[in-house]
Amino acid sequence: SILCGVAWNVDVLIIFRIIQGIGAGALIPVAMVIIFEVFPPEERGLAMGVYGIGATFGPAVGPTLGGYLTEHFSWHLIFYINVPIGLFGIFLAGIILHADKRKRLIQFDYLGFLTMSVFLGTLLTALSQGQREGWTSFYILSLFAVAVFGLVSFLWAEHVARRPFIDLSVYKIFPHTMATLVFIIQGFGLYGSVFLIPLYFESILDYTPLQAGLLMLPMALVVAVVLPLAGRMTDRMDGRIPVTLGVLFSVLALYWLSFVDLRTSETTAYLMLIVRGLGIGFIFPAIMNFAL
């Protein structure tokens, strides 16, 4: 985060963001494992809901705070602000979390990791640059070809590995497979809308970064309220009920958002995003509980 704050051009910033992503990627699954080890089964839904506040509330509140800092101070601060918070988190982790005494002598599956990286790296590059380079250009088609090769190689590597990087046999468990599928689709809707909505309102409707951030704030507050509620529902009833509610709210919100245009009022935009927040809040705890 410090390196991102001192980045001198966009290419360097991207490199430093990759480094930042390595840390972020390591935090998320480890946190879920700790939650499932610490909490009994009848409390895991609520625990996942509380954890989800941080996982979804942050990206929703971030545009508001980031917009304020960018508009009134400097974009560098959106990275520097992570430093004291991160140090405080390290301090708390050292005090609260106990060391894991178990010894794990597991050989790392380098081939599986490498082939998966090739697959995902080339696929995401092709998807992100296809509009600019042309979907039928040699460059984009070559990336898709390498991605297919990487996927086939990954599946083969995981099939022959004694200790695979990703144990694909877990996808024989139907609830886990369905939970993963729903979560992937939800991810498309969540991150697609979180990226596009501020961009649209700033570029088309001439909102300032702060105004665009404030637009996202009610959604974040709704998510924070609904997550623990949905988590408790997951502990006390069939988890498919909150998942179904969440999917219905998400479908309604994204369909409604498709009608945004120059005549869309601020109040209407708030209502659209509040419904979106209901969808996020109801899905997250239950679907993670199902999958894990």
C-alpha atoms as a PDB file:
ATOM      1  CA  SER A   1       0.000   0.000   0.000  1.00  0.00           C
ATOM      2  CA  ILE A   2       2.907   2.333   0.746  1.00  0.00           C
ATOM      3  CA  LEU A   3       4.453   1.530  -2.631  1.00  0.00           C
ATOM      4  CA  CYS A   4       1.116   2.238  -4.361  1.00  0.00           C
ATOM      5  CA  GLY A   5       1.050   5.636  -2.686  1.00  0.00           C
ATOM      6  CA  VAL A   6       4.472   6.567  -4.083  1.00  0.00           C
ATOM      7  CA  ALA A   7       3.818   5.142  -7.590  1.00  0.00           C
ATOM      8  CA  TRP A   8       5.092   7.553 -10.278  1.00  0.00           C
ATOM      9  CA  ASN A   9       3.005   6.234 -13.201  1.00  0.00           C
ATOM     10  CA  VAL A  10       0.091   3.913 -13.863  1.00  0.00           C
ATOM     11  CA  ASP A  11       2.245   0.935 -14.962  1.00  0.00           C
ATOM     12  CA  VAL A  12       4.222   1.022 -11.706  1.00  0.00           C
ATOM     13  CA  LEU A  13       0.975   1.401  -9.768  1.00  0.00           C
ATOM     14  CA  ILE A  14      -0.381  -1.781 -11.392  1.00  0.00           C
ATOM     15  CA  ILE A  15       2.784  -3.693 -10.408  1.00  0.00           C
ATOM     16  CA  PHE A  16       2.498  -2.502  -6.808  1.00  0.00           C
ATOM     17  CA  ARG A  17      -1.210  -3.368  -6.781  1.00  0.00           C
ATOM     18  CA  ILE A  18      -0.284  -6.936  -7.794  1.00  0.00           C
ATOM     19  CA  ILE A  19       1.987  -7.109  -4.741  1.00  0.00           C
ATOM     20  CA  GLN A  20      -0.826  -5.718  -2.593  1.00  0.00           C
ATOM     21  CA  GLY A  21      -3.171  -8.350  -4.032  1.00  0.00           C
ATOM     22  CA  ILE A  22      -0.863 -11.164  -2.917  1.00  0.00           C
ATOM     23  CA  GLY A  23      -1.418 -10.094   0.673  1.00  0.00           C
ATOM     24  CA  ALA A  24      -5.155  -9.580   0.227  1.00  0.00           C
ATOM     25  CA  GLY A  25      -5.549 -12.963  -1.454  1.00  0.00           C
ATOM     26  CA  ALA A  26      -3.856 -14.704   1.467  1.00  0.00           C
ATOM     27  CA  LEU A  27      -6.046 -13.049   4.103  1.00  0.00           C
ATOM     28  CA  ILE A  28      -9.488 -14.073   2.867  1.00  0.00           C
ATOM     29  CA  PRO A  29      -9.316 -17.909   2.912  1.00  0.00           C
ATOM     30  CA  VAL A  30      -7.251 -18.006   6.114  1.00  0.00           C
ATOM     31  CA  ALA A  31      -9.850 -15.863   7.897  1.00  0.00           C
ATOM     32  CA  MET A  32     -12.611 -18.264   6.870  1.00  0.00           C
ATOM     33  CA  VAL A  33     -10.635 -21.267   8.102  1.00  0.00           C
ATOM     34  CA  ILE A  34     -10.060 -19.582  11.477  1.00  0.00           C
ATOM     35  CA  ILE A  35     -13.786 -18.808  11.796  1.00  0.00           C
ATOM     36  CA  PHE A  36     -14.702 -22.442  11.115  1.00  0.00           C
ATOM     37  CA  GLU A  37     -12.161 -23.708  13.625  1.00  0.00           C
ATOM     38  CA  VAL A  38     -13.178 -21.304  16.407  1.00  0.00           C
ATOM     39  CA  PHE A  39     -16.996 -21.247  16.160  1.00  0.00           C
ATOM     40  CA  PRO A  40     -19.305 -24.260  16.679  1.00  0.00           C
ATOM     41  CA  PRO A  41     -21.573 -25.269  13.757  1.00  0.00           C
ATOM     42  CA  GLU A  42     -24.670 -23.563  15.225  1.00  0.00           C
ATOM     43  CA  GLU A  43     -22.886 -20.176  15.329  1.00  0.00           C
ATOM     44  CA  ARG A  44     -20.952 -20.256  12.064  1.00  0.00           C
ATOM     45  CA  GLY A  45     -23.650 -18.520  10.035  1.00  0.00           C
ATOM     46  CA  LEU A  46     -23.660 -15.513  12.366  1.00  0.00           C
ATOM     47  CA  ALA A  47     -19.854 -15.514  12.494  1.00  0.00           C
ATOM     48  CA  MET A  48     -19.695 -15.562   8.696  1.00  0.00           C
ATOM     49  CA  GLY A  49     -22.202 -12.715   8.609  1.00  0.00           C
ATOM     50  CA  VAL A  50     -20.077 -10.580  10.922  1.00  0.00           C
ATOM     51  CA  TYR A  51     -16.979 -11.438   8.887  1.00  0.00           C
ATOM     52  CA  GLY A  52     -18.905 -10.514   5.745  1.00  0.00           C
ATOM     53  CA  ILE A  53     -19.402  -6.976   7.056  1.00  0.00           C
ATOM     54  CA  GLY A  54     -15.688  -6.391   6.617  1.00  0.00           C
ATOM     55  CA  ALA A  55     -15.516  -8.240   3.301  1.00  0.00           C
ATOM     56  CA  THR A  56     -18.377  -6.321   1.666  1.00  0.00           C
ATOM     57  CA  PHE A  57     -18.787  -3.178   3.772  1.00  0.00           C
ATOM     58  CA  GLY A  58     -15.218  -2.065   3.052  1.00  0.00           C
ATOM     59  CA  PRO A  59     -15.516  -2.101  -0.757  1.00  0.00           C
ATOM     60  CA  ALA A  60     -18.850  -0.289  -0.442  1.00  0.00           C
ATOM     61  CA  VAL A  61     -17.660   2.433   1.971  1.00  0.00           C
ATOM     62  CA  GLY A  62     -14.286   2.733   0.239  1.00  0.00           C
ATOM     63  CA  PRO A  63     -15.599   4.827  -2.679  1.00  0.00           C
ATOM     64  CA  THR A  64     -17.096   7.378  -0.240  1.00  0.00           C
ATOM     65  CA  LEU A  65     -13.927   7.795   1.788  1.00  0.00           C
ATOM     66  CA  GLY A  66     -11.726   7.509  -1.286  1.00  0.00           C
ATOM     67  CA  GLY A  67     -13.816  10.093  -3.102  1.00  0.00           C
ATOM     68  CA  TYR A  68     -13.503  12.535  -0.204  1.00  0.00           C
ATOM     69  CA  LEU A  69      -9.730  12.078   0.064  1.00  0.00           C
ATOM     70  CA  THR A  70      -9.244  12.363  -3.701  1.00  0.00           C
ATOM     71  CA  GLU A  71     -11.447  15.426  -4.036  1.00  0.00           C
ATOM     72  CA  HIS A  72     -10.165  17.386  -1.039  1.00  0.00           C
ATOM     73  CA  PHE A  73      -6.610  16.108  -0.556  1.00  0.00           C
ATOM     74  CA  SER A  74      -4.699  13.670  -2.796  1.00  0.00           C
ATOM     75  CA  TRP A  75      -5.256  10.240  -4.343  1.00  0.00           C
ATOM     76  CA  HIS A  76      -2.079   9.075  -2.571  1.00  0.00           C
ATOM     77  CA  LEU A  77      -3.957   9.124   0.731  1.00  0.00           C
ATOM     78  CA  ILE A  78      -6.302   6.317  -0.334  1.00  0.00           C
ATOM     79  CA  PHE A  79      -3.240   4.054  -0.064  1.00  0.00           C
ATOM     80  CA  TYR A  80      -1.480   5.677   2.886  1.00  0.00           C
ATOM     81  CA  ILE A  81      -4.630   5.393   5.015  1.00  0.00           C
ATOM     82  CA  ASN A  82      -4.200   1.605   4.924  1.00  0.00           C
ATOM     83  CA  VAL A  83      -0.864   1.786   6.741  1.00  0.00           C
ATOM     84  CA  PRO A  84      -2.002   2.632  10.317  1.00  0.00           C
ATOM     85  CA  ILE A  85      -5.051   0.381   9.929  1.00  0.00           C
ATOM     86  CA  GLY A  86      -2.849  -2.474   8.715  1.00  0.00           C
ATOM     87  CA  LEU A  87      -0.356  -2.030  11.533  1.00  0.00           C
ATOM     88  CA  PHE A  88      -3.206  -2.023  14.064  1.00  0.00           C
ATOM     89  CA  GLY A  89      -4.542  -5.225  12.490  1.00  0.00           C
ATOM     90  CA  ILE A  90      -1.121  -6.879  12.815  1.00  0.00           C
ATOM     91  CA  PHE A  91      -0.986  -5.801  16.469  1.00  0.00           C
ATOM     92  CA  LEU A  92      -4.431  -7.264  17.200  1.00  0.00           C
ATOM     93  CA  ALA A  93      -3.649 -10.496  15.349  1.00  0.00           C
ATOM     94  CA  GLY A  94      -0.511 -10.954  17.456  1.00  0.00           C
ATOM     95  CA  ILE A  95      -2.511 -10.560  20.659  1.00  0.00           C
ATOM     96  CA  ILE A  96      -5.756 -12.385  19.825  1.00  0.00           C
ATOM     97  CA  LEU A  97      -4.859 -15.180  17.402  1.00  0.00           C
ATOM     98  CA  HIS A  98      -3.111 -18.244  18.797  1.00  0.00           C
ATOM     99  CA  ALA A  99      -0.303 -19.994  16.975  1.00  0.00           C
ATOM    100  CA  ASP A 100      -1.272 -23.197  15.196  1.00  0.00           C
ATOM    101  CA  LYS A 101       0.816 -25.967  16.770  1.00  0.00           C
ATOM    102  CA  ARG A 102      -0.007 -28.611  14.141  1.00  0.00           C
ATOM    103  CA  LYS A 103       2.760 -29.534  11.746  1.00  0.00           C
ATOM    104  CA  ARG A 104       1.750 -29.820   8.111  1.00  0.00           C
ATOM    105  CA  LEU A 105       4.238 -31.560   5.848  1.00  0.00           C
ATOM    106  CA  ILE A 106       2.393 -30.971   2.588  1.00  0.00           C
ATOM    107  CA  GLN A 107       4.349 -30.722  -0.643  1.00  0.00           C
ATOM    108  CA  PHE A 108       3.381 -27.677  -2.687  1.00  0.00           C
ATOM    109  CA  ASP A 109       1.905 -28.440  -6.119  1.00  0.00           C
ATOM    110  CA  TYR A 110       4.021 -26.089  -8.248  1.00  0.00           C
ATOM    111  CA  LEU A 111       2.741 -27.459 -11.554  1.00  0.00           C
ATOM    112  CA  GLY A 112      -0.886 -26.992 -10.544  1.00  0.00           C
ATOM    113  CA  PHE A 113      -0.181 -23.468  -9.314  1.00  0.00           C
ATOM    114  CA  LEU A 114       1.722 -22.559 -12.498  1.00  0.00           C
ATOM    115  CA  THR A 115      -0.886 -23.919 -14.923  1.00  0.00           C
ATOM    116  CA  MET A 116      -3.736 -22.255 -13.009  1.00  0.00           C
ATOM    117  CA  SER A 117      -1.842 -18.950 -13.053  1.00  0.00           C
ATOM    118  CA  VAL A 118      -1.331 -19.204 -16.820  1.00  0.00           C
ATOM    119  CA  PHE A 119      -5.019 -19.990 -17.329  1.00  0.00           C
ATOM    120  CA  LEU A 120      -6.373 -17.193 -15.138  1.00  0.00           C
ATOM    121  CA  GLY A 121      -3.753 -14.617 -16.144  1.00  0.00           C
ATOM    122  CA  THR A 122      -4.296 -14.954 -19.883  1.00  0.00           C
ATOM    123  CA  LEU A 123      -8.083 -15.267 -19.546  1.00  0.00           C
ATOM    124  CA  LEU A 124      -8.439 -12.111 -17.435  1.00  0.00           C
ATOM    125  CA  THR A 125      -6.064 -10.182 -19.703  1.00  0.00           C
ATOM    126  CA  ALA A 126      -8.096 -11.174 -22.759  1.00  0.00           C
ATOM    127  CA  LEU A 127     -11.397 -10.248 -21.114  1.00  0.00           C
ATOM    128  CA  SER A 128     -10.103  -6.884 -19.899  1.00  0.00           C
ATOM    129  CA  GLN A 129      -8.450  -5.854 -23.185  1.00  0.00           C
ATOM    130  CA  GLY A 130     -10.789  -7.454 -25.727  1.00  0.00           C
ATOM    131  CA  GLN A 131     -12.928  -4.342 -26.154  1.00  0.00           C
ATOM    132  CA  ARG A 132      -9.867  -2.197 -26.832  1.00  0.00           C
ATOM    133  CA  GLU A 133      -7.864  -4.599 -29.007  1.00  0.00           C
ATOM    134  CA  GLY A 134     -10.810  -6.211 -30.823  1.00  0.00           C
ATOM    135  CA  TRP A 135     -12.304  -9.572 -29.856  1.00  0.00           C
ATOM    136  CA  THR A 136     -11.210 -11.178 -33.130  1.00  0.00           C
ATOM    137  CA  SER A 137      -7.681  -9.724 -33.120  1.00  0.00           C
ATOM    138  CA  PHE A 138      -4.714 -12.116 -33.200  1.00  0.00           C
ATOM    139  CA  TYR A 139      -3.559 -10.863 -29.767  1.00  0.00           C
ATOM    140  CA  ILE A 140      -6.870 -11.574 -28.003  1.00  0.00           C
ATOM    141  CA  LEU A 141      -7.459 -14.885 -29.772  1.00  0.00           C
ATOM    142  CA  SER A 142      -3.916 -15.964 -28.847  1.00  0.00           C
ATOM    143  CA  LEU A 143      -4.604 -15.134 -25.195  1.00  0.00           C
ATOM    144  CA  PHE A 144      -7.800 -17.208 -25.273  1.00  0.00           C
ATOM    145  CA  ALA A 145      -5.898 -20.096 -26.893  1.00  0.00           C
ATOM    146  CA  VAL A 146      -3.224 -19.992 -24.180  1.00  0.00           C
ATOM    147  CA  ALA A 147      -5.978 -19.806 -21.542  1.00  0.00           C
ATOM    148  CA  VAL A 148      -7.614 -22.967 -22.917  1.00  0.00           C
ATOM    149  CA  PHE A 149      -4.225 -24.711 -22.963  1.00  0.00           C
ATOM    150  CA  GLY A 150      -3.597 -23.566 -19.386  1.00  0.00           C
ATOM    151  CA  LEU A 151      -7.006 -24.867 -18.245  1.00  0.00           C
ATOM    152  CA  VAL A 152      -6.513 -28.277 -19.869  1.00  0.00           C
ATOM    153  CA  SER A 153      -2.983 -28.487 -18.421  1.00  0.00           C
ATOM    154  CA  PHE A 154      -4.291 -27.508 -14.980  1.00  0.00           C
ATOM    155  CA  LEU A 155      -7.004 -30.185 -15.018  1.00  0.00           C
ATOM    156  CA  TRP A 156      -4.443 -32.799 -16.094  1.00  0.00           C
ATOM    157  CA  ALA A 157      -1.926 -31.672 -13.453  1.00  0.00           C
ATOM    158  CA  GLU A 158      -4.519 -31.848 -10.674  1.00  0.00           C
ATOM    159  CA  HIS A 159      -5.662 -35.282 -11.845  1.00  0.00           C
ATOM    160  CA  VAL A 160      -2.170 -36.821 -11.661  1.00  0.00           C
ATOM    161  CA  ALA A 161      -0.863 -34.926  -8.589  1.00  0.00           C
ATOM    162  CA  ARG A 162      -0.628 -36.849  -5.310  1.00  0.00           C
ATOM    163  CA  ARG A 163      -1.445 -33.694  -3.360  1.00  0.00           C
ATOM    164  CA  PRO A 164      -3.162 -31.368  -5.854  1.00  0.00           C
ATOM    165  CA  PHE A 165      -3.111 -27.588  -5.507  1.00  0.00           C
ATOM    166  CA  ILE A 166      -6.922 -27.651  -5.695  1.00  0.00           C
ATOM    167  CA  ASP A 167      -8.687 -30.896  -4.790  1.00  0.00           C
ATOM    168  CA  LEU A 168     -11.234 -31.052  -7.615  1.00  0.00           C
ATOM    169  CA  SER A 169     -12.943 -34.058  -6.021  1.00  0.00           C
ATOM    170  CA  VAL A 170     -14.781 -31.703  -3.625  1.00  0.00           C
ATOM    171  CA  TYR A 171     -16.898 -30.632  -6.597  1.00  0.00           C
ATOM    172  CA  LYS A 172     -18.492 -34.083  -6.557  1.00  0.00           C
ATOM    173  CA  ILE A 173     -20.342 -32.765  -3.490  1.00  0.00           C
ATOM    174  CA  PHE A 174     -23.458 -31.213  -5.038  1.00  0.00           C
ATOM    175  CA  PRO A 175     -24.216 -28.519  -2.375  1.00  0.00           C
ATOM    176  CA  HIS A 176     -20.591 -27.342  -2.517  1.00  0.00           C
ATOM    177  CA  THR A 177     -20.652 -27.145  -6.318  1.00  0.00           C
ATOM    178  CA  MET A 178     -23.937 -25.235  -6.367  1.00  0.00           C
ATOM    179  CA  ALA A 179     -22.755 -22.851  -3.629  1.00  0.00           C
ATOM    180  CA  THR A 180     -19.590 -22.166  -5.607  1.00  0.00           C
ATOM    181  CA  LEU A 181     -21.584 -21.542  -8.785  1.00  0.00           C
ATOM    182  CA  VAL A 182     -23.989 -19.131  -7.062  1.00  0.00           C
ATOM    183  CA  PHE A 183     -21.061 -17.306  -5.443  1.00  0.00           C
ATOM    184  CA  ILE A 184     -19.294 -16.920  -8.819  1.00  0.00           C
ATOM    185  CA  ILE A 185     -22.438 -15.470 -10.413  1.00  0.00           C
ATOM    186  CA  GLN A 186     -22.944 -13.202  -7.392  1.00  0.00           C
ATOM    187  CA  GLY A 187     -19.331 -12.071  -7.753  1.00  0.00           C
ATOM    188  CA  PHE A 188     -19.937 -11.001 -11.355  1.00  0.00           C
ATOM    189  CA  GLY A 189     -22.902  -8.921 -10.232  1.00  0.00           C
ATOM    190  CA  LEU A 190     -21.218  -7.483  -7.140  1.00  0.00           C
ATOM    191  CA  TYR A 191     -17.873  -6.435  -8.564  1.00  0.00           C
ATOM    192  CA  GLY A 192     -19.266  -5.496 -11.967  1.00  0.00           C
ATOM    193  CA  SER A 193     -21.792  -3.110 -10.428  1.00  0.00           C
ATOM    194  CA  VAL A 194     -19.415  -1.730  -7.781  1.00  0.00           C
ATOM    195  CA  PHE A 195     -16.983  -0.839 -10.576  1.00  0.00           C
ATOM    196  CA  LEU A 196     -19.475   0.452 -13.150  1.00  0.00           C
ATOM    197  CA  ILE A 197     -21.880   2.452 -10.985  1.00  0.00           C
ATOM    198  CA  PRO A 198     -19.407   5.111  -9.715  1.00  0.00           C
ATOM    199  CA  LEU A 199     -17.816   5.240 -13.180  1.00  0.00           C
ATOM    200  CA  TYR A 200     -21.180   5.856 -14.828  1.00  0.00           C
ATOM    201  CA  PHE A 201     -22.317   8.528 -12.386  1.00  0.00           C
ATOM    202  CA  GLU A 202     -18.973  10.347 -12.543  1.00  0.00           C
ATOM    203  CA  SER A 203     -18.500  10.129 -16.322  1.00  0.00           C
ATOM    204  CA  ILE A 204     -22.071  10.505 -17.577  1.00  0.00           C
ATOM    205  CA  LEU A 205     -23.928  12.382 -14.827  1.00  0.00           C
ATOM    206  CA  ASP A 206     -20.936  14.551 -13.772  1.00  0.00           C
ATOM    207  CA  TYR A 207     -20.910  13.447 -10.133  1.00  0.00           C
ATOM    208  CA  THR A 208     -17.782  14.311  -8.157  1.00  0.00           C
ATOM    209  CA  PRO A 209     -15.838  11.385  -6.621  1.00  0.00           C
ATOM    210  CA  LEU A 210     -17.325  12.302  -3.229  1.00  0.00           C
ATOM    211  CA  GLN A 211     -20.885  12.408  -4.586  1.00  0.00           C
ATOM    212  CA  ALA A 212     -20.409   9.015  -6.262  1.00  0.00           C
ATOM    213  CA  GLY A 213     -19.056   7.618  -2.996  1.00  0.00           C
ATOM    214  CA  LEU A 214     -21.982   8.975  -0.986  1.00  0.00           C
ATOM    215  CA  LEU A 215     -24.299   7.334  -3.487  1.00  0.00           C
ATOM    216  CA  MET A 216     -22.854   3.944  -2.485  1.00  0.00           C
ATOM    217  CA  LEU A 217     -23.041   4.598   1.271  1.00  0.00           C
ATOM    218  CA  PRO A 218     -26.712   3.606   1.919  1.00  0.00           C
ATOM    219  CA  MET A 219     -26.068   0.295   0.161  1.00  0.00           C
ATOM    220  CA  ALA A 220     -23.104  -0.310   2.473  1.00  0.00           C
ATOM    221  CA  LEU A 221     -25.207   0.441   5.562  1.00  0.00           C
ATOM    222  CA  VAL A 222     -27.934  -1.956   4.392  1.00  0.00           C
ATOM    223  CA  VAL A 223     -25.312  -4.671   3.816  1.00  0.00           C
ATOM    224  CA  ALA A 224     -23.906  -4.144   7.323  1.00  0.00           C
ATOM    225  CA  VAL A 225     -27.366  -4.513   8.896  1.00  0.00           C
ATOM    226  CA  VAL A 226     -28.519  -7.491   6.815  1.00  0.00           C
ATOM    227  CA  LEU A 227     -25.354  -9.642   7.017  1.00  0.00           C
ATOM    228  CA  PRO A 228     -25.628 -10.618  10.722  1.00  0.00           C
ATOM    229  CA  LEU A 229     -29.405 -11.077  10.313  1.00  0.00           C
ATOM    230  CA  ALA A 230     -28.895 -13.409   7.357  1.00  0.00           C
ATOM    231  CA  GLY A 231     -26.154 -15.226   9.272  1.00  0.00           C
ATOM    232  CA  ARG A 232     -28.491 -15.861  12.200  1.00  0.00           C
ATOM    233  CA  MET A 233     -31.199 -17.030   9.756  1.00  0.00           C
ATOM    234  CA  THR A 234     -28.677 -19.500   8.329  1.00  0.00           C
ATOM    235  CA  ASP A 235     -28.048 -20.919  11.820  1.00  0.00           C
ATOM    236  CA  ARG A 236     -31.753 -21.331  12.608  1.00  0.00           C
ATOM    237  CA  MET A 237     -33.391 -22.391   9.326  1.00  0.00           C
ATOM    238  CA  ASP A 238     -32.732 -23.876   5.906  1.00  0.00           C
ATOM    239  CA  GLY A 239     -29.884 -21.801   4.439  1.00  0.00           C
ATOM    240  CA  ARG A 240     -31.524 -21.906   1.013  1.00  0.00           C
ATOM    241  CA  ILE A 241     -34.132 -19.399   2.238  1.00  0.00           C
ATOM    242  CA  PRO A 242     -31.730 -16.434   2.710  1.00  0.00           C
ATOM    243  CA  VAL A 243     -29.860 -17.456  -0.458  1.00  0.00           C
ATOM    244  CA  THR A 244     -33.118 -17.372  -2.443  1.00  0.00           C
ATOM    245  CA  LEU A 245     -34.032 -13.979  -0.960  1.00  0.00           C
ATOM    246  CA  GLY A 246     -30.593 -12.662  -1.835  1.00  0.00           C
ATOM    247  CA  VAL A 247     -30.722 -13.923  -5.413  1.00  0.00           C
ATOM    248  CA  LEU A 248     -34.197 -12.402  -5.935  1.00  0.00           C
ATOM    249  CA  PHE A 249     -33.099  -9.013  -4.564  1.00  0.00           C
ATOM    250  CA  SER A 250     -29.934  -9.139  -6.695  1.00  0.00           C
ATOM    251  CA  VAL A 251     -31.864  -9.935  -9.878  1.00  0.00           C
ATOM    252  CA  LEU A 252     -34.370  -7.147  -9.179  1.00  0.00           C
ATOM    253  CA  ALA A 253     -31.643  -4.594  -8.407  1.00  0.00           C
ATOM    254  CA  LEU A 254     -29.463  -5.378 -11.425  1.00  0.00           C
ATOM    255  CA  TYR A 255     -32.478  -5.381 -13.760  1.00  0.00           C
ATOM    256  CA  TRP A 256     -33.584  -2.025 -12.309  1.00  0.00           C
ATOM    257  CA  LEU A 257     -30.065  -0.608 -12.687  1.00  0.00           C
ATOM    258  CA  SER A 258     -30.144  -1.476 -16.389  1.00  0.00           C
ATOM    259  CA  PHE A 259     -32.631   1.392 -16.846  1.00  0.00           C
ATOM    260  CA  VAL A 260     -30.305   4.081 -15.432  1.00  0.00           C
ATOM    261  CA  ASP A 261     -30.060   7.047 -17.793  1.00  0.00           C
ATOM    262  CA  LEU A 262     -29.616  10.839 -17.747  1.00  0.00           C
ATOM    263  CA  ARG A 263     -33.076  11.291 -16.206  1.00  0.00           C
ATOM    264  CA  THR A 264     -32.396   8.976 -13.227  1.00  0.00           C
ATOM    265  CA  SER A 265     -32.850  10.929  -9.998  1.00  0.00           C
ATOM    266  CA  GLU A 266     -30.567  10.615  -7.012  1.00  0.00           C
ATOM    267  CA  THR A 267     -33.397   9.165  -4.924  1.00  0.00           C
ATOM    268  CA  THR A 268     -34.070   6.445  -7.495  1.00  0.00           C
ATOM    269  CA  ALA A 269     -30.361   5.592  -7.623  1.00  0.00           C
ATOM    270  CA  TYR A 270     -30.308   5.276  -3.819  1.00  0.00           C
ATOM    271  CA  LEU A 271     -33.285   2.883  -3.901  1.00  0.00           C
ATOM    272  CA  MET A 272     -31.688   0.773  -6.637  1.00  0.00           C
ATOM    273  CA  LEU A 273     -28.502   0.359  -4.619  1.00  0.00           C
ATOM    274  CA  ILE A 274     -30.360  -0.320  -1.361  1.00  0.00           C
ATOM    275  CA  VAL A 275     -32.116  -3.258  -3.045  1.00  0.00           C
ATOM    276  CA  ARG A 276     -28.681  -4.322  -4.303  1.00  0.00           C
ATOM    277  CA  GLY A 277     -27.420  -4.213  -0.707  1.00  0.00           C
ATOM    278  CA  LEU A 278     -30.232  -6.517   0.406  1.00  0.00           C
ATOM    279  CA  GLY A 279     -29.148  -9.037  -2.215  1.00  0.00           C
ATOM    280  CA  ILE A 280     -25.509  -8.963  -1.114  1.00  0.00           C
ATOM    281  CA  GLY A 281     -26.384  -9.195   2.575  1.00  0.00           C
ATOM    282  CA  PHE A 282     -28.706 -12.193   2.320  1.00  0.00           C
ATOM    283  CA  ILE A 283     -26.499 -14.269   0.012  1.00  0.00           C
ATOM    284  CA  PHE A 284     -23.032 -13.990   1.540  1.00  0.00           C
ATOM    285  CA  PRO A 285     -23.256 -15.727   4.974  1.00  0.00           C
ATOM    286  CA  ALA A 286     -25.487 -18.578   3.818  1.00  0.00           C
ATOM    287  CA  ILE A 287     -23.585 -19.352   0.629  1.00  0.00           C
ATOM    288  CA  MET A 288     -20.207 -19.381   2.424  1.00  0.00           C
ATOM    289  CA  ASN A 289     -21.669 -21.635   5.120  1.00  0.00           C
ATOM    290  CA  PHE A 290     -22.946 -24.027   2.439  1.00  0.00           C
ATOM    291  CA  ALA A 291     -19.638 -24.118   0.586  1.00  0.00           C
ATOM    292  CA  LEU A 292     -17.440 -24.624   3.630  1.00  0.00           C
END
